[in-house]
Amino acid sequence: MDNDSKNENRYRTGVEVRRSVLGDQHVDRAEAATTDFDLPFQQLITEAAWGTVWSRPGLTKRERSIVTLALLAALGHDDEVAMHVRATTNTGASRDDIREIFLHVAVYAGVPAANRAFKIAKEVFAQMDGVPHA
């Protein structure tokens, strides 16, 4: 199999996994917003993150979700935290899991990072539940 075929397979796998984790609506929005400028970036994350890492058999989607949320919270990537909190409805990570993740972040990455992650998760949960959030 040549490199182009491998990349195409990895891309197709990546799209499938990305849709299964983030949902069709999110992926459709991302694809619709893609321009010639960021197309190579979208291909990169689809192939590398979703087609290579998230599709590996070593961890479940729930476990990958937990690791991802901890890393994103620790690094202060707020938009990505929100996106991956929403994705837990597809990965099997529960709200109890998310609370434990962010408690872990507080100890190992700092209280401010965890505080921000808790705030984001509460906002996302309120949106998901259709409840106004102050």
N, C-alpha and C. Protein backbone atom coordinates (compact mmCIF):
# COMPACT_ATOMS: atom_id res chain seq x y z
N MET A 1 0.85 -1.18 0.00
CA MET A 1 0.00 0.00 0.00
C MET A 1 0.89 1.24 0.00
N ASP A 2 0.64 2.17 -0.91
CA ASP A 2 1.47 3.37 -0.98
C ASP A 2 1.03 4.39 0.07
N ASN A 3 1.85 5.44 0.25
CA ASN A 3 1.59 6.45 1.26
C ASN A 3 0.27 7.18 1.05
N ASP A 4 -0.07 7.48 -0.21
CA ASP A 4 -1.34 8.16 -0.49
C ASP A 4 -2.52 7.31 -0.04
N SER A 5 -2.47 6.01 -0.29
CA SER A 5 -3.54 5.11 0.14
C SER A 5 -3.62 5.03 1.65
N LYS A 6 -2.45 4.96 2.31
CA LYS A 6 -2.43 4.92 3.77
C LYS A 6 -3.02 6.20 4.35
N ASN A 7 -2.63 7.34 3.78
CA ASN A 7 -3.16 8.62 4.26
C ASN A 7 -4.66 8.70 4.04
N GLU A 8 -5.14 8.23 2.89
CA GLU A 8 -6.58 8.26 2.60
C GLU A 8 -7.34 7.35 3.58
N ASN A 9 -6.80 6.18 3.88
CA ASN A 9 -7.43 5.28 4.86
C ASN A 9 -7.44 5.93 6.25
N ARG A 10 -6.32 6.54 6.62
CA ARG A 10 -6.22 7.19 7.93
C ARG A 10 -7.21 8.37 7.99
N TYR A 11 -7.35 9.10 6.91
CA TYR A 11 -8.29 10.22 6.86
C TYR A 11 -9.73 9.71 7.01
N ARG A 12 -10.08 8.67 6.24
CA ARG A 12 -11.44 8.11 6.33
C ARG A 12 -11.73 7.60 7.73
N THR A 13 -10.78 6.89 8.31
CA THR A 13 -10.94 6.42 9.70
C THR A 13 -11.09 7.61 10.63
N GLY A 14 -10.28 8.62 10.42
CA GLY A 14 -10.33 9.81 11.26
C GLY A 14 -11.68 10.50 11.22
N VAL A 15 -12.26 10.62 10.04
CA VAL A 15 -13.58 11.24 9.92
C VAL A 15 -14.61 10.42 10.69
N GLU A 16 -14.56 9.10 10.55
CA GLU A 16 -15.51 8.24 11.25
C GLU A 16 -15.38 8.38 12.77
N VAL A 17 -14.15 8.33 13.27
CA VAL A 17 -13.93 8.43 14.71
C VAL A 17 -14.30 9.82 15.21
N ARG A 18 -13.89 10.85 14.48
CA ARG A 18 -14.22 12.23 14.86
C ARG A 18 -15.73 12.40 14.97
N ARG A 19 -16.47 11.88 13.99
CA ARG A 19 -17.93 11.99 14.03
C ARG A 19 -18.51 11.21 15.21
N SER A 20 -17.93 10.05 15.51
CA SER A 20 -18.46 9.24 16.61
C SER A 20 -18.22 9.89 17.97
N VAL A 21 -17.16 10.68 18.08
CA VAL A 21 -16.84 11.34 19.35
C VAL A 21 -17.49 12.72 19.45
N LEU A 22 -17.31 13.54 18.43
CA LEU A 22 -17.77 14.93 18.50
C LEU A 22 -19.18 15.13 17.96
N GLY A 23 -19.66 14.18 17.19
CA GLY A 23 -21.00 14.28 16.62
C GLY A 23 -21.00 14.86 15.22
N ASP A 24 -21.99 14.45 14.44
CA ASP A 24 -22.09 14.91 13.06
C ASP A 24 -22.24 16.42 12.96
N GLN A 25 -23.03 17.00 13.85
CA GLN A 25 -23.28 18.44 13.80
C GLN A 25 -21.97 19.23 13.92
N HIS A 26 -21.14 18.86 14.89
CA HIS A 26 -19.87 19.56 15.09
C HIS A 26 -18.97 19.40 13.86
N VAL A 27 -18.83 18.19 13.38
CA VAL A 27 -17.94 17.93 12.25
C VAL A 27 -18.47 18.62 10.99
N ASP A 28 -19.78 18.61 10.80
CA ASP A 28 -20.36 19.31 9.64
C ASP A 28 -20.06 20.80 9.70
N ARG A 29 -20.18 21.40 10.89
CA ARG A 29 -19.85 22.83 11.05
C ARG A 29 -18.38 23.09 10.75
N ALA A 30 -17.51 22.23 11.28
CA ALA A 30 -16.07 22.40 11.05
C ALA A 30 -15.73 22.27 9.57
N GLU A 31 -16.33 21.30 8.92
CA GLU A 31 -16.07 21.12 7.49
C GLU A 31 -16.60 22.29 6.67
N ALA A 32 -17.78 22.80 7.03
CA ALA A 32 -18.35 23.94 6.30
C ALA A 32 -17.51 25.20 6.48
N ALA A 33 -16.84 25.32 7.60
CA ALA A 33 -16.02 26.51 7.88
C ALA A 33 -14.60 26.39 7.32
N THR A 34 -14.24 25.23 6.82
CA THR A 34 -12.89 25.02 6.30
C THR A 34 -12.69 25.81 5.01
N THR A 35 -11.54 26.46 4.93
CA THR A 35 -11.16 27.21 3.73
C THR A 35 -9.88 26.60 3.16
N ASP A 36 -9.46 27.10 2.03
CA ASP A 36 -8.19 26.65 1.46
C ASP A 36 -7.04 26.89 2.43
N PHE A 37 -7.14 27.98 3.21
CA PHE A 37 -6.09 28.33 4.15
C PHE A 37 -5.90 27.27 5.24
N ASP A 38 -7.01 26.81 5.84
CA ASP A 38 -6.87 25.86 6.95
C ASP A 38 -7.15 24.41 6.58
N LEU A 39 -7.39 24.13 5.31
CA LEU A 39 -7.63 22.75 4.87
C LEU A 39 -6.50 21.81 5.28
N PRO A 40 -5.22 22.17 5.09
CA PRO A 40 -4.16 21.27 5.51
C PRO A 40 -4.19 20.98 7.02
N PHE A 41 -4.56 21.97 7.82
CA PHE A 41 -4.67 21.78 9.26
C PHE A 41 -5.81 20.81 9.59
N GLN A 42 -6.97 21.00 8.96
CA GLN A 42 -8.10 20.10 9.19
C GLN A 42 -7.74 18.66 8.79
N GLN A 43 -7.02 18.51 7.69
CA GLN A 43 -6.59 17.17 7.28
C GLN A 43 -5.62 16.59 8.30
N LEU A 44 -4.71 17.41 8.80
CA LEU A 44 -3.74 16.96 9.79
C LEU A 44 -4.43 16.44 11.05
N ILE A 45 -5.35 17.24 11.61
CA ILE A 45 -5.98 16.79 12.86
C ILE A 45 -6.89 15.59 12.63
N THR A 46 -7.51 15.54 11.46
CA THR A 46 -8.37 14.38 11.17
C THR A 46 -7.53 13.12 11.06
N GLU A 47 -6.41 13.20 10.37
CA GLU A 47 -5.55 12.02 10.20
C GLU A 47 -4.79 11.68 11.48
N ALA A 48 -4.16 12.69 12.11
CA ALA A 48 -3.29 12.42 13.25
C ALA A 48 -4.06 12.15 14.53
N ALA A 49 -4.91 13.10 14.92
CA ALA A 49 -5.63 12.94 16.19
C ALA A 49 -6.67 11.82 16.10
N TRP A 50 -7.51 11.89 15.08
CA TRP A 50 -8.65 10.98 15.01
C TRP A 50 -8.33 9.68 14.28
N GLY A 51 -7.59 9.75 13.19
CA GLY A 51 -7.30 8.56 12.39
C GLY A 51 -6.14 7.73 12.90
N THR A 52 -5.28 8.34 13.71
CA THR A 52 -4.13 7.61 14.24
C THR A 52 -4.27 7.36 15.74
N VAL A 53 -4.45 8.41 16.53
CA VAL A 53 -4.44 8.25 17.99
C VAL A 53 -5.78 7.76 18.54
N TRP A 54 -6.88 8.48 18.25
CA TRP A 54 -8.17 8.10 18.81
C TRP A 54 -8.66 6.74 18.28
N SER A 55 -8.15 6.30 17.17
CA SER A 55 -8.61 5.03 16.59
C SER A 55 -7.79 3.83 17.06
N ARG A 56 -6.76 4.07 17.87
CA ARG A 56 -5.94 2.96 18.37
C ARG A 56 -6.75 2.09 19.34
N PRO A 57 -6.42 0.81 19.42
CA PRO A 57 -7.18 -0.10 20.27
C PRO A 57 -6.80 -0.08 21.76
N GLY A 58 -5.72 0.59 22.14
CA GLY A 58 -5.21 0.49 23.51
C GLY A 58 -6.07 1.07 24.61
N LEU A 59 -6.87 2.07 24.30
CA LEU A 59 -7.75 2.71 25.29
C LEU A 59 -9.16 2.79 24.70
N THR A 60 -10.15 2.80 25.58
CA THR A 60 -11.52 3.00 25.13
C THR A 60 -11.74 4.48 24.84
N LYS A 61 -12.82 4.79 24.17
CA LYS A 61 -13.15 6.20 23.93
C LYS A 61 -13.36 6.94 25.25
N ARG A 62 -13.95 6.27 26.23
CA ARG A 62 -14.14 6.89 27.54
C ARG A 62 -12.78 7.24 28.16
N GLU A 63 -11.85 6.31 28.11
CA GLU A 63 -10.52 6.56 28.68
C GLU A 63 -9.80 7.67 27.93
N ARG A 64 -9.89 7.67 26.61
CA ARG A 64 -9.25 8.74 25.82
C ARG A 64 -9.90 10.08 26.14
N SER A 65 -11.19 10.08 26.33
CA SER A 65 -11.91 11.29 26.68
C SER A 65 -11.42 11.85 28.02
N ILE A 66 -11.23 10.98 28.99
CA ILE A 66 -10.75 11.37 30.31
C ILE A 66 -9.35 11.98 30.22
N VAL A 67 -8.46 11.31 29.51
CA VAL A 67 -7.09 11.81 29.34
C VAL A 67 -7.12 13.16 28.62
N THR A 68 -7.90 13.24 27.57
CA THR A 68 -7.98 14.47 26.78
C THR A 68 -8.48 15.63 27.62
N LEU A 69 -9.54 15.42 28.38
CA LEU A 69 -10.07 16.50 29.22
C LEU A 69 -9.06 16.95 30.26
N ALA A 70 -8.34 16.03 30.86
CA ALA A 70 -7.33 16.40 31.85
C ALA A 70 -6.24 17.25 31.21
N LEU A 71 -5.77 16.83 30.06
CA LEU A 71 -4.70 17.58 29.38
C LEU A 71 -5.18 18.95 28.94
N LEU A 72 -6.35 19.01 28.33
CA LEU A 72 -6.86 20.30 27.86
C LEU A 72 -7.09 21.27 29.02
N ALA A 73 -7.64 20.76 30.12
CA ALA A 73 -7.86 21.61 31.29
C ALA A 73 -6.54 22.09 31.86
N ALA A 74 -5.58 21.20 31.97
CA ALA A 74 -4.27 21.56 32.52
C ALA A 74 -3.57 22.61 31.66
N LEU A 75 -3.78 22.54 30.36
CA LEU A 75 -3.13 23.48 29.45
C LEU A 75 -3.93 24.76 29.22
N GLY A 76 -5.15 24.81 29.78
CA GLY A 76 -5.97 26.01 29.65
C GLY A 76 -6.59 26.21 28.28
N HIS A 77 -6.88 25.15 27.58
CA HIS A 77 -7.49 25.24 26.25
C HIS A 77 -9.01 25.20 26.39
N ASP A 78 -9.57 26.36 26.75
CA ASP A 78 -10.97 26.46 27.15
C ASP A 78 -11.96 25.98 26.09
N ASP A 79 -11.81 26.41 24.85
CA ASP A 79 -12.76 26.01 23.81
C ASP A 79 -12.74 24.50 23.60
N GLU A 80 -11.55 23.94 23.66
CA GLU A 80 -11.41 22.50 23.49
C GLU A 80 -11.99 21.74 24.70
N VAL A 81 -11.83 22.32 25.91
CA VAL A 81 -12.45 21.70 27.10
C VAL A 81 -13.95 21.62 26.89
N ALA A 82 -14.56 22.72 26.48
CA ALA A 82 -16.01 22.74 26.27
C ALA A 82 -16.42 21.71 25.22
N MET A 83 -15.70 21.67 24.12
CA MET A 83 -16.03 20.72 23.05
C MET A 83 -15.95 19.28 23.55
N HIS A 84 -14.91 18.97 24.33
CA HIS A 84 -14.75 17.59 24.80
C HIS A 84 -15.66 17.26 25.98
N VAL A 85 -16.10 18.26 26.74
CA VAL A 85 -17.14 17.99 27.75
C VAL A 85 -18.42 17.58 27.02
N ARG A 86 -18.77 18.32 25.96
CA ARG A 86 -19.96 17.94 25.17
C ARG A 86 -19.80 16.54 24.58
N ALA A 87 -18.60 16.21 24.15
CA ALA A 87 -18.34 14.92 23.50
C ALA A 87 -18.52 13.74 24.45
N THR A 88 -18.48 13.98 25.75
CA THR A 88 -18.62 12.86 26.69
C THR A 88 -19.96 12.15 26.54
N THR A 89 -20.95 12.82 25.96
CA THR A 89 -22.22 12.12 25.72
C THR A 89 -22.02 10.99 24.71
N ASN A 90 -20.96 11.08 23.91
CA ASN A 90 -20.67 10.04 22.92
C ASN A 90 -19.56 9.08 23.35
N THR A 91 -18.78 9.47 24.34
CA THR A 91 -17.63 8.65 24.73
C THR A 91 -17.90 7.77 25.95
N GLY A 92 -18.96 8.10 26.69
CA GLY A 92 -19.27 7.31 27.88
C GLY A 92 -18.69 7.86 29.17
N ALA A 93 -17.91 8.93 29.11
CA ALA A 93 -17.43 9.55 30.35
C ALA A 93 -18.59 10.28 30.99
N SER A 94 -18.78 10.07 32.28
CA SER A 94 -19.92 10.64 32.99
C SER A 94 -19.57 11.99 33.61
N ARG A 95 -20.57 12.65 34.12
CA ARG A 95 -20.33 13.91 34.83
C ARG A 95 -19.53 13.65 36.10
N ASP A 96 -19.74 12.52 36.72
CA ASP A 96 -18.91 12.16 37.88
C ASP A 96 -17.46 11.99 37.46
N ASP A 97 -17.22 11.37 36.30
CA ASP A 97 -15.86 11.24 35.77
C ASP A 97 -15.23 12.61 35.58
N ILE A 98 -16.00 13.52 34.98
CA ILE A 98 -15.48 14.86 34.71
C ILE A 98 -15.11 15.58 36.00
N ARG A 99 -15.95 15.46 37.01
CA ARG A 99 -15.62 16.06 38.31
C ARG A 99 -14.30 15.50 38.83
N GLU A 100 -14.14 14.19 38.78
CA GLU A 100 -12.91 13.56 39.28
C GLU A 100 -11.69 13.98 38.45
N ILE A 101 -11.88 14.10 37.15
CA ILE A 101 -10.79 14.55 36.28
C ILE A 101 -10.31 15.93 36.73
N PHE A 102 -11.25 16.84 36.92
CA PHE A 102 -10.87 18.21 37.25
C PHE A 102 -10.33 18.33 38.68
N LEU A 103 -10.74 17.46 39.58
CA LEU A 103 -10.12 17.42 40.91
C LEU A 103 -8.66 16.99 40.78
N HIS A 104 -8.43 16.03 39.92
CA HIS A 104 -7.07 15.56 39.65
C HIS A 104 -6.22 16.68 39.05
N VAL A 105 -6.83 17.41 38.12
CA VAL A 105 -6.15 18.56 37.51
C VAL A 105 -5.75 19.57 38.59
N ALA A 106 -6.63 19.80 39.56
CA ALA A 106 -6.33 20.78 40.61
C ALA A 106 -5.05 20.43 41.36
N VAL A 107 -4.87 19.15 41.64
CA VAL A 107 -3.69 18.72 42.40
C VAL A 107 -2.43 18.73 41.53
N TYR A 108 -2.55 18.26 40.29
CA TYR A 108 -1.36 18.07 39.47
C TYR A 108 -1.05 19.23 38.51
N ALA A 109 -2.05 20.06 38.21
CA ALA A 109 -1.80 21.16 37.27
C ALA A 109 -2.15 22.53 37.84
N GLY A 110 -2.79 22.52 39.01
CA GLY A 110 -3.08 23.79 39.66
C GLY A 110 -4.56 24.08 39.79
N VAL A 111 -4.87 24.70 40.91
CA VAL A 111 -6.25 25.06 41.22
C VAL A 111 -6.84 26.01 40.18
N PRO A 112 -6.12 27.03 39.71
CA PRO A 112 -6.72 27.91 38.70
C PRO A 112 -7.15 27.17 37.43
N ALA A 113 -6.36 26.22 36.98
CA ALA A 113 -6.72 25.45 35.78
C ALA A 113 -7.99 24.64 36.05
N ALA A 114 -8.07 24.01 37.19
CA ALA A 114 -9.25 23.21 37.53
C ALA A 114 -10.47 24.11 37.73
N ASN A 115 -10.28 25.24 38.36
CA ASN A 115 -11.37 26.17 38.61
C ASN A 115 -12.00 26.60 37.27
N ARG A 116 -11.16 26.93 36.32
CA ARG A 116 -11.63 27.33 34.99
C ARG A 116 -12.34 26.17 34.30
N ALA A 117 -11.80 24.97 34.41
CA ALA A 117 -12.41 23.80 33.79
C ALA A 117 -13.78 23.49 34.40
N PHE A 118 -13.89 23.60 35.73
CA PHE A 118 -15.19 23.40 36.39
C PHE A 118 -16.20 24.42 35.87
N LYS A 119 -15.78 25.67 35.76
CA LYS A 119 -16.67 26.73 35.28
C LYS A 119 -17.16 26.40 33.87
N ILE A 120 -16.26 26.01 33.00
CA ILE A 120 -16.62 25.67 31.62
C ILE A 120 -17.57 24.49 31.61
N ALA A 121 -17.27 23.45 32.36
CA ALA A 121 -18.14 22.26 32.39
C ALA A 121 -19.55 22.62 32.88
N LYS A 122 -19.64 23.44 33.91
CA LYS A 122 -20.95 23.84 34.41
C LYS A 122 -21.74 24.59 33.34
N GLU A 123 -21.07 25.46 32.59
CA GLU A 123 -21.74 26.19 31.50
C GLU A 123 -22.21 25.23 30.41
N VAL A 124 -21.37 24.28 30.05
CA VAL A 124 -21.73 23.30 29.02
C VAL A 124 -22.89 22.43 29.50
N PHE A 125 -22.83 21.97 30.74
CA PHE A 125 -23.93 21.15 31.27
C PHE A 125 -25.24 21.92 31.25
N ALA A 126 -25.20 23.19 31.64
CA ALA A 126 -26.41 24.02 31.63
C ALA A 126 -26.97 24.12 30.21
N GLN A 127 -26.09 24.33 29.22
CA GLN A 127 -26.54 24.37 27.82
C GLN A 127 -27.14 23.04 27.40
N MET A 128 -26.48 21.96 27.76
CA MET A 128 -26.94 20.63 27.37
C MET A 128 -28.29 20.31 28.03
N ASP A 129 -28.47 20.79 29.24
CA ASP A 129 -29.70 20.52 29.99
C ASP A 129 -30.80 21.53 29.68
N GLY A 130 -30.46 22.56 28.89
CA GLY A 130 -31.44 23.60 28.56
C GLY A 130 -31.77 24.48 29.75
N VAL A 131 -30.81 24.62 30.66
CA VAL A 131 -31.02 25.41 31.88
C VAL A 131 -30.21 26.70 31.76
N PRO A 132 -30.84 27.85 32.04
CA PRO A 132 -30.06 29.09 32.03
C PRO A 132 -28.95 29.03 33.08
N HIS A 133 -27.79 29.53 32.72
CA HIS A 133 -26.65 29.51 33.63
C HIS A 133 -26.17 30.94 33.84
N ALA A 134 -25.99 31.29 35.09
CA ALA A 134 -25.55 32.67 35.41
C ALA A 134 -24.11 32.89 35.07
